[in-house]
């Protein structure tokens, strides 16, 4: 039995050595250009959708970058840069545009090696739509300021989302790994969730609630107006500048600093396990601050909204501008 195992180990080692030799020879013959290993044949497929009105847009894709653009000829079309053996399906029916990843039998889904990545570009004649629903495994998503949606939902495993599109209803983005960037956006409500990554928001107007959850990563908000703001996270700093909420501002962090400037809220509740809290308000706040191990420096105001700040390990420094 032991002799058999030894023989099998020797055979396996020999195959590994032979494979390594073949790889080195192949790379030498191609001047160590790793792109020569690319065995996929990528093509550009165009799907002309004409002038039929689109009300709803849905994506269910595997590995693809998704880009939205305004059409310059008044027609709708989808352009896919993709592996010719694994093409996306594009369908427009009753005003709903659906783009899906290749669906075939299991043996047809075995992907060849490639350094390229699919790109799906959507050219739209209209600018206003009822809904956008994107479900993505891996890939970036870019949506410019040209478009407006009644409802906006993105769920992705790995990728970056960069959107400037406004939403009249709910805006929801959830990522496992990646970054979320919003700029010049308005919405009725906002929900942003990232397991590992960053969130950057510049110029946001939200009539209702803004909810932020980041397990690990940094968050930065600038020029935000909302009804209320709630954020929770495990590890990572959060920074605010010129954030104004007519209701509650609530921040909870396990590990990470909280920084804010020129903020205003009817009520504030900030809690961290490990991290400093430093910030400034534009209006008087009645501040109740406590820290197990840390220095506390806060103004004594007799009027204004209630502000509770608590840290286990960290300093607290607040000012009123």
Foldseek 3Di string as FASTA:
>chain_A
DVVVVVVVVVVVVVVVVVVVVVVVVVCVVVVNDCQVQAPFDKDKDKAWPFQDAAAEEEEAEEWEAEEEEEDPPNTKMKIKGGGPLWDWDWDADPRYIYIYTRDDDPVSPPDGDHPDTMYMYIHHHDAEHAEYYYEYEHYEYEEECSHEYQYYEYEYEYYEYEYAHEYAEEHEYEYAYYEYEYEPYEYQEYEYYYAAYEYEYEAYEYAEEYEYEYAEEEYEYENYEYQEYEYEYEEYEYEYENYEHAAEYEYEYAYYEYEYEAYYYQEYHYEYAHYEYEYEYQDDEQEDEDECAEAEADDHDPDGHYYYYYYDHYYYHYYHD
